[in-house]
Amino acid sequence: MKHQWILSAMHKLRVLFFTLALCLVTQAADWPQFRFGANRGAASPETLPSQLHLQWSRKFAAPSPAFPGEVRLRYDAAYEPVVMGKTMFVPSMVTDSVSALDTATGEVRWNFFASGPVRFAPVAHEGSVYFGSDDGYVYCVDATNGKLRWKFYGHPAGRADRNLLGNRRLIPMWPVRGGVVLHEDVLYFSAGLWPEEGIFIHAVNAKSGKALWTNSDSD
């Protein structure tokens, strides 16, 4: 019960922060990936105004973390949006989706559905949105309309493609259950959770989705 209360409080606080910040976001620089940049510095050149004013609010379903009873592993206890231009992109581990919202009105512009939870912040860059899912794929969609541009399966070459039960549903042995990172038009992400099965880092071309390299041995 205590954990549920904490999660609910975090969810409400995070959604409130999003909406209060929108008065700044609609005129400010982008916040394109988790903690602003590839170095996760959480620092923006923008300066917050002395007062924030609520522009609109939107209620999301309560988050459903992968490991709700493990505080050290609860990295997905709240929604993690990013902003590009006048659009906010919100991932959902509840509805297996990424939603694009107008930062001025809160109106939903489009929804894209994966085949598994999208637990961590997307990356928004030059008209594209990138994100990973428990279904083992990294996706690239058009930021304007949500149409799929490419997807990349993180399953390592030479390994049997197996499924297992994770959070009351079947997921691949190597889910993409972490954030993606973009640096100099290269997208980096990991696939896998269990060291005994291997954790694999992939680098793909952000424009084409073609593999650049993958670590061949994670032992």
C-alpha atoms as a PDB file:
ATOM      1  CA  MET A   1       0.000   0.000   0.000  1.00  0.00           C
ATOM      2  CA  LYS A   2       2.849   2.366   0.870  1.00  0.00           C
ATOM      3  CA  HIS A   3       4.543   1.732  -2.471  1.00  0.00           C
ATOM      4  CA  GLN A   4       1.264   2.378  -4.325  1.00  0.00           C
ATOM      5  CA  TRP A   5       0.795   5.676  -2.490  1.00  0.00           C
ATOM      6  CA  ILE A   6       4.330   6.777  -3.343  1.00  0.00           C
ATOM      7  CA  LEU A   7       3.874   5.872  -7.005  1.00  0.00           C
ATOM      8  CA  SER A   8       0.547   7.712  -7.159  1.00  0.00           C
ATOM      9  CA  ALA A   9       2.050  10.808  -5.548  1.00  0.00           C
ATOM     10  CA  MET A  10       5.019  10.769  -7.924  1.00  0.00           C
ATOM     11  CA  HIS A  11       2.675  10.392 -10.885  1.00  0.00           C
ATOM     12  CA  LYS A  12       0.518  13.356  -9.847  1.00  0.00           C
ATOM     13  CA  LEU A  13       3.552  15.519  -9.117  1.00  0.00           C
ATOM     14  CA  ARG A  14       5.186  14.703 -12.447  1.00  0.00           C
ATOM     15  CA  VAL A  15       2.037  15.447 -14.454  1.00  0.00           C
ATOM     16  CA  LEU A  16       1.587  18.736 -12.598  1.00  0.00           C
ATOM     17  CA  PHE A  17       5.193  19.676 -13.339  1.00  0.00           C
ATOM     18  CA  PHE A  18       4.661  18.943 -17.036  1.00  0.00           C
ATOM     19  CA  THR A  19       1.666  21.224 -17.291  1.00  0.00           C
ATOM     20  CA  LEU A  20       3.195  24.040 -15.265  1.00  0.00           C
ATOM     21  CA  ALA A  21       6.289  23.942 -17.424  1.00  0.00           C
ATOM     22  CA  LEU A  22       4.346  24.179 -20.653  1.00  0.00           C
ATOM     23  CA  CYS A  23       4.148  27.955 -20.511  1.00  0.00           C
ATOM     24  CA  LEU A  24       7.926  27.866 -20.805  1.00  0.00           C
ATOM     25  CA  VAL A  25       8.131  24.951 -23.244  1.00  0.00           C
ATOM     26  CA  THR A  26       5.958  26.543 -25.912  1.00  0.00           C
ATOM     27  CA  GLN A  27       8.541  29.290 -26.411  1.00  0.00           C
ATOM     28  CA  ALA A  28      11.735  27.647 -25.173  1.00  0.00           C
ATOM     29  CA  ALA A  29      14.418  25.446 -26.649  1.00  0.00           C
ATOM     30  CA  ASP A  30      13.784  21.743 -27.113  1.00  0.00           C
ATOM     31  CA  TRP A  31      14.219  19.147 -24.376  1.00  0.00           C
ATOM     32  CA  PRO A  32      15.044  16.358 -26.833  1.00  0.00           C
ATOM     33  CA  GLN A  33      16.000  13.395 -24.657  1.00  0.00           C
ATOM     34  CA  PHE A  34      16.190  12.158 -21.076  1.00  0.00           C
ATOM     35  CA  ARG A  35      17.898  14.757 -18.866  1.00  0.00           C
ATOM     36  CA  PHE A  36      18.267  17.003 -21.909  1.00  0.00           C
ATOM     37  CA  GLY A  37      21.319  15.567 -23.690  1.00  0.00           C
ATOM     38  CA  ALA A  38      23.381  12.487 -24.438  1.00  0.00           C
ATOM     39  CA  ASN A  39      25.554  13.177 -21.388  1.00  0.00           C
ATOM     40  CA  ARG A  40      22.425  13.168 -19.152  1.00  0.00           C
ATOM     41  CA  GLY A  41      23.489  16.480 -17.636  1.00  0.00           C
ATOM     42  CA  ALA A  42      19.922  17.752 -17.024  1.00  0.00           C
ATOM     43  CA  ALA A  43      21.074  21.292 -17.815  1.00  0.00           C
ATOM     44  CA  SER A  44      19.356  23.580 -20.299  1.00  0.00           C
ATOM     45  CA  PRO A  45      20.454  27.045 -21.465  1.00  0.00           C
ATOM     46  CA  GLU A  46      16.934  28.276 -20.712  1.00  0.00           C
ATOM     47  CA  THR A  47      16.082  30.233 -17.567  1.00  0.00           C
ATOM     48  CA  LEU A  48      12.848  29.531 -15.709  1.00  0.00           C
ATOM     49  CA  PRO A  49      10.559  32.517 -15.123  1.00  0.00           C
ATOM     50  CA  SER A  50       9.937  33.604 -11.559  1.00  0.00           C
ATOM     51  CA  GLN A  51       6.340  32.378 -11.758  1.00  0.00           C
ATOM     52  CA  LEU A  52       4.763  29.455 -13.613  1.00  0.00           C
ATOM     53  CA  HIS A  53       1.120  29.416 -14.654  1.00  0.00           C
ATOM     54  CA  LEU A  54      -0.978  26.360 -15.386  1.00  0.00           C
ATOM     55  CA  GLN A  55      -1.828  26.207 -19.095  1.00  0.00           C
ATOM     56  CA  TRP A  56      -3.639  22.865 -19.202  1.00  0.00           C
ATOM     57  CA  SER A  57      -3.534  19.470 -17.523  1.00  0.00           C
ATOM     58  CA  ARG A  58      -3.943  15.904 -18.692  1.00  0.00           C
ATOM     59  CA  LYS A  59      -4.386  12.832 -16.521  1.00  0.00           C
ATOM     60  CA  PHE A  60      -2.547   9.634 -17.444  1.00  0.00           C
ATOM     61  CA  ALA A  61      -3.065   6.130 -16.114  1.00  0.00           C
ATOM     62  CA  ALA A  62      -1.063   5.368 -12.989  1.00  0.00           C
ATOM     63  CA  PRO A  63       2.419   4.101 -13.963  1.00  0.00           C
ATOM     64  CA  SER A  64       3.074   0.361 -13.900  1.00  0.00           C
ATOM     65  CA  PRO A  65       6.789  -0.144 -13.137  1.00  0.00           C
ATOM     66  CA  ALA A  66       8.523  -3.345 -14.167  1.00  0.00           C
ATOM     67  CA  PHE A  67       9.813  -3.907 -10.625  1.00  0.00           C
ATOM     68  CA  PRO A  68       7.322  -2.148  -8.306  1.00  0.00           C
ATOM     69  CA  GLY A  69       8.707  -3.691  -5.124  1.00  0.00           C
ATOM     70  CA  GLU A  70      12.352  -2.872  -5.815  1.00  0.00           C
ATOM     71  CA  VAL A  71      13.156   0.763  -5.068  1.00  0.00           C
ATOM     72  CA  ARG A  72      16.620   0.519  -6.634  1.00  0.00           C
ATOM     73  CA  LEU A  73      15.146  -0.799  -9.889  1.00  0.00           C
ATOM     74  CA  ARG A  74      12.130   1.484 -10.154  1.00  0.00           C
ATOM     75  CA  TYR A  75      13.465   3.708 -12.926  1.00  0.00           C
ATOM     76  CA  ASP A  76      10.109   3.719 -14.706  1.00  0.00           C
ATOM     77  CA  ALA A  77       7.966   4.888 -11.789  1.00  0.00           C
ATOM     78  CA  ALA A  78       6.768   7.980 -13.669  1.00  0.00           C
ATOM     79  CA  TYR A  79       6.248   9.223 -17.203  1.00  0.00           C
ATOM     80  CA  GLU A  80       9.292  10.749 -18.915  1.00  0.00           C
ATOM     81  CA  PRO A  81       8.321  13.096 -21.774  1.00  0.00           C
ATOM     82  CA  VAL A  82      10.547  15.010 -24.177  1.00  0.00           C
ATOM     83  CA  VAL A  83       9.794  18.120 -26.223  1.00  0.00           C
ATOM     84  CA  MET A  84      10.645  19.149 -29.769  1.00  0.00           C
ATOM     85  CA  GLY A  85       9.227  22.356 -31.161  1.00  0.00           C
ATOM     86  CA  LYS A  86       5.631  22.642 -29.981  1.00  0.00           C
ATOM     87  CA  THR A  87       5.091  18.937 -29.448  1.00  0.00           C
ATOM     88  CA  MET A  88       5.534  16.861 -26.305  1.00  0.00           C
ATOM     89  CA  PHE A  89       6.169  13.135 -26.730  1.00  0.00           C
ATOM     90  CA  VAL A  90       5.008  10.977 -23.823  1.00  0.00           C
ATOM     91  CA  PRO A  91       5.895   7.274 -23.517  1.00  0.00           C
ATOM     92  CA  SER A  92       3.599   4.854 -21.689  1.00  0.00           C
ATOM     93  CA  MET A  93       4.416   1.586 -19.976  1.00  0.00           C
ATOM     94  CA  VAL A  94       0.660   1.114 -19.443  1.00  0.00           C
ATOM     95  CA  THR A  95      -0.686   1.483 -22.991  1.00  0.00           C
ATOM     96  CA  ASP A  96       2.480   0.348 -24.866  1.00  0.00           C
ATOM     97  CA  SER A  97       2.539   3.644 -26.706  1.00  0.00           C
ATOM     98  CA  VAL A  98       4.063   7.025 -27.402  1.00  0.00           C
ATOM     99  CA  SER A  99       1.667   9.965 -27.644  1.00  0.00           C
ATOM    100  CA  ALA A 100       2.311  13.353 -29.250  1.00  0.00           C
ATOM    101  CA  LEU A 101       0.638  16.285 -27.494  1.00  0.00           C
ATOM    102  CA  ASP A 102       0.362  19.904 -28.576  1.00  0.00           C
ATOM    103  CA  THR A 103       2.225  21.901 -25.927  1.00  0.00           C
ATOM    104  CA  ALA A 104      -0.107  24.884 -26.314  1.00  0.00           C
ATOM    105  CA  THR A 105      -3.418  23.041 -25.920  1.00  0.00           C
ATOM    106  CA  GLY A 106      -2.689  19.537 -24.626  1.00  0.00           C
ATOM    107  CA  GLU A 107      -4.492  18.064 -27.631  1.00  0.00           C
ATOM    108  CA  VAL A 108      -3.310  14.608 -28.692  1.00  0.00           C
ATOM    109  CA  ARG A 109      -1.927  14.774 -32.224  1.00  0.00           C
ATOM    110  CA  TRP A 110      -1.191  11.079 -32.649  1.00  0.00           C
ATOM    111  CA  ASN A 111      -0.553   7.803 -30.833  1.00  0.00           C
ATOM    112  CA  PHE A 112       1.863   5.078 -31.871  1.00  0.00           C
ATOM    113  CA  PHE A 113       1.475   1.621 -30.357  1.00  0.00           C
ATOM    114  CA  ALA A 114       4.317  -0.853 -29.902  1.00  0.00           C
ATOM    115  CA  SER A 115       3.865  -4.498 -28.891  1.00  0.00           C
ATOM    116  CA  GLY A 116       5.171  -3.955 -25.375  1.00  0.00           C
ATOM    117  CA  PRO A 117       5.578  -1.260 -22.711  1.00  0.00           C
ATOM    118  CA  VAL A 118       7.542   1.877 -23.596  1.00  0.00           C
ATOM    119  CA  ARG A 119       9.132   2.597 -20.237  1.00  0.00           C
ATOM    120  CA  PHE A 120      11.672   5.358 -20.788  1.00  0.00           C
ATOM    121  CA  ALA A 121      12.008   8.745 -22.440  1.00  0.00           C
ATOM    122  CA  PRO A 122      12.125   8.861 -26.230  1.00  0.00           C
ATOM    123  CA  VAL A 123      14.592  10.926 -28.238  1.00  0.00           C
ATOM    124  CA  ALA A 124      13.192  13.645 -30.514  1.00  0.00           C
ATOM    125  CA  HIS A 125      15.535  14.929 -33.212  1.00  0.00           C
ATOM    126  CA  GLU A 126      15.200  16.498 -36.662  1.00  0.00           C
ATOM    127  CA  GLY A 127      11.638  15.379 -37.282  1.00  0.00           C
ATOM    128  CA  SER A 128      11.964  11.871 -35.868  1.00  0.00           C
ATOM    129  CA  VAL A 129      11.123  10.248 -32.538  1.00  0.00           C
ATOM    130  CA  TYR A 130      13.095   7.217 -31.300  1.00  0.00           C
ATOM    131  CA  PHE A 131      12.202   4.865 -28.443  1.00  0.00           C
ATOM    132  CA  GLY A 132      12.630   1.313 -27.202  1.00  0.00           C
ATOM    133  CA  SER A 133      10.071  -1.197 -25.966  1.00  0.00           C
ATOM    134  CA  ASP A 134       9.828  -4.384 -23.949  1.00  0.00           C
ATOM    135  CA  ASP A 135       8.944  -6.066 -27.251  1.00  0.00           C
ATOM    136  CA  GLY A 136      12.653  -5.993 -28.131  1.00  0.00           C
ATOM    137  CA  TYR A 137      12.466  -3.305 -30.801  1.00  0.00           C
ATOM    138  CA  VAL A 138      13.721   0.237 -31.125  1.00  0.00           C
ATOM    139  CA  TYR A 139      11.364   2.353 -33.213  1.00  0.00           C
ATOM    140  CA  CYS A 140      11.767   5.472 -35.316  1.00  0.00           C
ATOM    141  CA  VAL A 141       8.545   7.318 -36.151  1.00  0.00           C
ATOM    142  CA  ASP A 142       7.737  10.545 -37.938  1.00  0.00           C
ATOM    143  CA  ALA A 143       7.348  13.313 -35.363  1.00  0.00           C
ATOM    144  CA  THR A 144       4.591  14.979 -37.384  1.00  0.00           C
ATOM    145  CA  ASN A 145       2.192  12.078 -37.870  1.00  0.00           C
ATOM    146  CA  GLY A 146       3.558   9.109 -35.887  1.00  0.00           C
ATOM    147  CA  LYS A 147       4.080   6.912 -38.955  1.00  0.00           C
ATOM    148  CA  LEU A 148       6.745   4.238 -38.658  1.00  0.00           C
ATOM    149  CA  ARG A 149      10.008   4.997 -40.460  1.00  0.00           C
ATOM    150  CA  TRP A 150      11.996   1.969 -39.306  1.00  0.00           C
ATOM    151  CA  LYS A 151      12.355  -0.465 -36.440  1.00  0.00           C
ATOM    152  CA  PHE A 152      15.349  -2.481 -35.262  1.00  0.00           C
ATOM    153  CA  TYR A 153      15.160  -5.781 -33.392  1.00  0.00           C
ATOM    154  CA  GLY A 154      17.709  -6.031 -30.583  1.00  0.00           C
ATOM    155  CA  HIS A 155      17.876  -9.820 -30.636  1.00  0.00           C
ATOM    156  CA  PRO A 156      21.588 -10.793 -30.837  1.00  0.00           C
ATOM    157  CA  ALA A 157      22.730 -12.715 -33.894  1.00  0.00           C
ATOM    158  CA  GLY A 158      23.416 -16.379 -33.312  1.00  0.00           C
ATOM    159  CA  ARG A 159      21.116 -16.687 -30.295  1.00  0.00           C
ATOM    160  CA  ALA A 160      17.807 -18.546 -30.289  1.00  0.00           C
ATOM    161  CA  ASP A 161      14.902 -16.094 -30.311  1.00  0.00           C
ATOM    162  CA  ARG A 162      13.025 -17.030 -27.147  1.00  0.00           C
ATOM    163  CA  ASN A 163      10.199 -15.526 -25.139  1.00  0.00           C
ATOM    164  CA  LEU A 164       9.582 -15.574 -21.417  1.00  0.00           C
ATOM    165  CA  LEU A 165       6.971 -14.327 -18.981  1.00  0.00           C
ATOM    166  CA  GLY A 166       7.637 -10.773 -17.838  1.00  0.00           C
ATOM    167  CA  ASN A 167       5.128  -8.632 -15.941  1.00  0.00           C
ATOM    168  CA  ARG A 168       2.277 -11.058 -16.698  1.00  0.00           C
ATOM    169  CA  ARG A 169       2.912 -11.151 -20.447  1.00  0.00           C
ATOM    170  CA  LEU A 170       5.306 -12.701 -22.926  1.00  0.00           C
ATOM    171  CA  ILE A 171       8.361 -10.632 -23.803  1.00  0.00           C
ATOM    172  CA  PRO A 172      11.539 -11.548 -25.694  1.00  0.00           C
ATOM    173  CA  MET A 173      14.632 -12.680 -23.816  1.00  0.00           C
ATOM    174  CA  TRP A 174      16.287  -9.405 -24.836  1.00  0.00           C
ATOM    175  CA  PRO A 175      13.809  -6.549 -24.261  1.00  0.00           C
ATOM    176  CA  VAL A 176      14.848  -2.942 -24.805  1.00  0.00           C
ATOM    177  CA  ARG A 177      14.079  -1.908 -21.256  1.00  0.00           C
ATOM    178  CA  GLY A 178      16.238   1.191 -21.084  1.00  0.00           C
ATOM    179  CA  GLY A 179      16.494   4.631 -22.597  1.00  0.00           C
ATOM    180  CA  VAL A 180      17.915   5.270 -26.059  1.00  0.00           C
ATOM    181  CA  VAL A 181      20.739   7.783 -26.516  1.00  0.00           C
ATOM    182  CA  LEU A 182      21.421   9.865 -29.617  1.00  0.00           C
ATOM    183  CA  HIS A 183      24.858  11.317 -30.350  1.00  0.00           C
ATOM    184  CA  GLU A 184      26.043  12.628 -33.712  1.00  0.00           C
ATOM    185  CA  ASP A 185      23.315  10.806 -35.669  1.00  0.00           C
ATOM    186  CA  VAL A 186      24.077   7.473 -34.015  1.00  0.00           C
ATOM    187  CA  LEU A 187      21.453   5.859 -31.788  1.00  0.00           C
ATOM    188  CA  TYR A 188      22.726   3.714 -28.910  1.00  0.00           C
ATOM    189  CA  PHE A 189      20.664   1.279 -26.850  1.00  0.00           C
ATOM    190  CA  SER A 190      20.925  -1.980 -24.957  1.00  0.00           C
ATOM    191  CA  ALA A 191      18.896  -5.178 -25.272  1.00  0.00           C
ATOM    192  CA  GLY A 192      18.635  -7.678 -22.447  1.00  0.00           C
ATOM    193  CA  LEU A 193      18.218  -7.800 -18.678  1.00  0.00           C
ATOM    194  CA  TRP A 194      19.925 -10.925 -17.393  1.00  0.00           C
ATOM    195  CA  PRO A 195      23.747 -11.098 -17.379  1.00  0.00           C
ATOM    196  CA  GLU A 196      23.712 -14.867 -17.786  1.00  0.00           C
ATOM    197  CA  GLU A 197      21.849 -14.438 -21.091  1.00  0.00           C
ATOM    198  CA  GLY A 198      23.964 -11.497 -22.219  1.00  0.00           C
ATOM    199  CA  ILE A 199      23.410  -7.747 -22.408  1.00  0.00           C
ATOM    200  CA  PHE A 200      23.981  -6.409 -25.915  1.00  0.00           C
ATOM    201  CA  ILE A 201      24.756  -2.815 -26.886  1.00  0.00           C
ATOM    202  CA  HIS A 202      23.719  -1.719 -30.362  1.00  0.00           C
ATOM    203  CA  ALA A 203      24.689   1.334 -32.397  1.00  0.00           C
ATOM    204  CA  VAL A 204      22.466   2.098 -35.383  1.00  0.00           C
ATOM    205  CA  ASN A 205      22.326   4.854 -37.961  1.00  0.00           C
ATOM    206  CA  ALA A 206      19.573   7.197 -36.799  1.00  0.00           C
ATOM    207  CA  LYS A 207      18.477   8.031 -40.348  1.00  0.00           C
ATOM    208  CA  SER A 208      18.309   4.541 -41.824  1.00  0.00           C
ATOM    209  CA  GLY A 209      18.073   2.216 -38.834  1.00  0.00           C
ATOM    210  CA  LYS A 210      20.980   0.172 -40.193  1.00  0.00           C
ATOM    211  CA  ALA A 211      23.273  -1.502 -37.663  1.00  0.00           C
ATOM    212  CA  LEU A 212      26.709   0.066 -37.257  1.00  0.00           C
ATOM    213  CA  TRP A 213      28.028  -2.301 -34.591  1.00  0.00           C
ATOM    214  CA  THR A 214      26.976  -4.623 -31.774  1.00  0.00           C
ATOM    215  CA  ASN A 215      29.116  -6.056 -29.016  1.00  0.00           C
ATOM    216  CA  SER A 216      29.598  -9.703 -29.955  1.00  0.00           C
ATOM    217  CA  ASP A 217      30.359 -11.021 -26.477  1.00  0.00           C
ATOM    218  CA  SER A 218      28.854  -9.810 -23.211  1.00  0.00           C
ATOM    219  CA  ASP A 219      30.436 -12.416 -20.911  1.00  0.00           C
END
